[in-house]
């Protein structure tokens, strides 16, 4: 519940905005999952219909691991919705790609 005029912050991945998310470098099959997420224009339209006015939109950098090796060591499929929704084969292939990159 919000008071009239209260701000709302939405922090999420959005359809069509995968470039800054390194996960998709190793799991390109998961891009199809991201493309089913709401788009920024879609979210803005939904909130506008409820009386909200957007004041800005900017990417928020997120460091999930200090290195590719650390990312590979800490990867948990259940922690990432896009990885949960790809096939086991696609996930296994992505893990291989990530571990190979971690070795270099």
Protein backbone atom coordinates (compact mmCIF):
# COMPACT_ATOMS: atom_id res chain seq x y z
CA UNK A 1 0.00 0.00 0.00
CA UNK A 2 1.26 3.45 -0.90
CA UNK A 3 0.27 6.92 0.10
CA UNK A 4 -0.79 9.14 -2.80
CA UNK A 5 2.30 10.53 -4.47
CA UNK A 6 4.65 8.04 -2.82
CA UNK A 7 7.61 6.93 -4.94
CA UNK A 8 8.00 3.39 -6.26
CA UNK A 9 11.36 1.89 -7.17
CA UNK A 10 11.41 -1.09 -9.52
CA UNK A 11 14.71 -2.91 -9.79
CA UNK A 12 14.64 -5.81 -12.16
CA UNK A 13 15.93 -7.30 -15.34
CA UNK A 14 13.73 -6.38 -18.29
CA UNK A 15 13.03 -7.87 -21.68
CA UNK A 16 15.40 -6.54 -24.32
CA UNK A 17 18.08 -5.40 -21.85
CA UNK A 18 20.52 -8.26 -21.50
CA UNK A 19 23.76 -6.58 -22.58
CA UNK A 20 24.96 -5.68 -19.07
CA UNK A 21 24.02 -9.04 -17.52
CA UNK A 22 27.05 -11.32 -17.75
CA UNK A 23 24.98 -14.42 -16.96
CA UNK A 24 23.69 -14.41 -20.55
CA UNK A 25 27.25 -14.53 -21.91
CA UNK A 26 27.52 -18.08 -20.61
CA UNK A 27 23.87 -19.08 -20.77
CA UNK A 28 22.62 -17.59 -24.06
CA UNK A 29 19.68 -20.01 -24.00
CA UNK A 30 18.36 -18.06 -20.99
CA UNK A 31 17.88 -14.94 -23.14
CA UNK A 32 14.58 -16.43 -24.33
CA UNK A 33 13.46 -16.49 -20.69
CA UNK A 34 14.46 -12.86 -20.19
CA UNK A 35 12.59 -11.90 -23.33
CA UNK A 36 9.39 -13.07 -21.63
CA UNK A 37 9.94 -10.62 -18.74
CA UNK A 38 8.04 -7.33 -18.87
CA UNK A 39 9.63 -4.59 -20.94
CA UNK A 40 10.34 -1.14 -19.55
CA UNK A 41 7.63 0.44 -21.76
CA UNK A 42 5.20 -2.25 -20.58
CA UNK A 43 5.96 -1.60 -16.91
CA UNK A 44 5.69 2.15 -17.41
CA UNK A 45 2.32 1.71 -19.13
CA UNK A 46 1.00 -0.53 -16.35
CA UNK A 47 2.02 1.94 -13.68
CA UNK A 48 0.74 4.92 -15.69
CA UNK A 49 -2.65 3.19 -15.89
CA UNK A 50 -2.62 3.10 -12.09
CA UNK A 51 -1.83 6.83 -11.87
CA UNK A 52 1.95 6.77 -11.50
CA UNK A 53 4.28 9.06 -13.44
CA UNK A 54 7.77 7.80 -14.27
CA UNK A 55 10.58 10.08 -13.16
CA UNK A 56 13.55 8.16 -14.46
CA UNK A 57 15.02 4.94 -15.71
CA UNK A 58 18.63 3.99 -15.33
CA UNK A 59 20.68 0.82 -15.14
CA UNK A 60 21.96 -0.14 -11.71
CA UNK A 61 25.31 -1.93 -11.83
CA UNK A 62 25.50 -5.09 -9.77
CA UNK A 63 28.62 -7.06 -8.95
CA UNK A 64 27.59 -10.63 -8.24
CA UNK A 65 31.14 -11.94 -8.01
CA UNK A 66 34.59 -10.34 -8.06
CA UNK A 67 35.80 -12.68 -10.82
CA UNK A 68 34.56 -15.24 -13.32
CA UNK A 69 36.20 -17.96 -11.21
CA UNK A 70 34.26 -16.81 -8.15
CA UNK A 71 31.06 -16.69 -10.20
CA UNK A 72 31.63 -20.25 -11.39
CA UNK A 73 32.31 -21.46 -7.85
CA UNK A 74 29.21 -19.79 -6.41
CA UNK A 75 26.75 -20.52 -9.24
CA UNK A 76 23.44 -21.87 -7.96
CA UNK A 77 20.82 -22.64 -10.56
CA UNK A 78 17.98 -22.26 -8.07
CA UNK A 79 19.06 -18.68 -7.31
CA UNK A 80 18.50 -17.45 -10.86
CA UNK A 81 15.06 -17.68 -12.43
CA UNK A 82 16.33 -17.67 -16.04
CA UNK A 83 18.53 -20.69 -15.28
CA UNK A 84 15.63 -22.55 -13.70
CA UNK A 85 13.60 -22.16 -16.88
CA UNK A 86 16.09 -23.50 -19.42
CA UNK A 87 16.63 -27.16 -20.19
CA UNK A 88 19.05 -29.28 -18.18
CA UNK A 89 21.17 -29.63 -21.31
CA UNK A 90 21.33 -25.87 -21.86
CA UNK A 91 22.22 -25.36 -18.21
CA UNK A 92 24.99 -27.98 -18.36
CA UNK A 93 26.41 -26.37 -21.51
CA UNK A 94 26.42 -22.96 -19.82
CA UNK A 95 28.19 -24.35 -16.77
CA UNK A 96 30.87 -25.76 -19.07
CA UNK A 97 31.26 -22.37 -20.80
CA UNK A 98 31.45 -20.57 -17.45
CA UNK A 99 34.02 -22.99 -16.01
CA UNK A 100 36.14 -22.77 -19.17
CA UNK A 101 36.11 -18.99 -18.91
CA UNK A 102 37.01 -19.22 -15.22
CA UNK A 103 40.12 -21.22 -16.07
CA UNK A 104 41.41 -18.38 -18.23
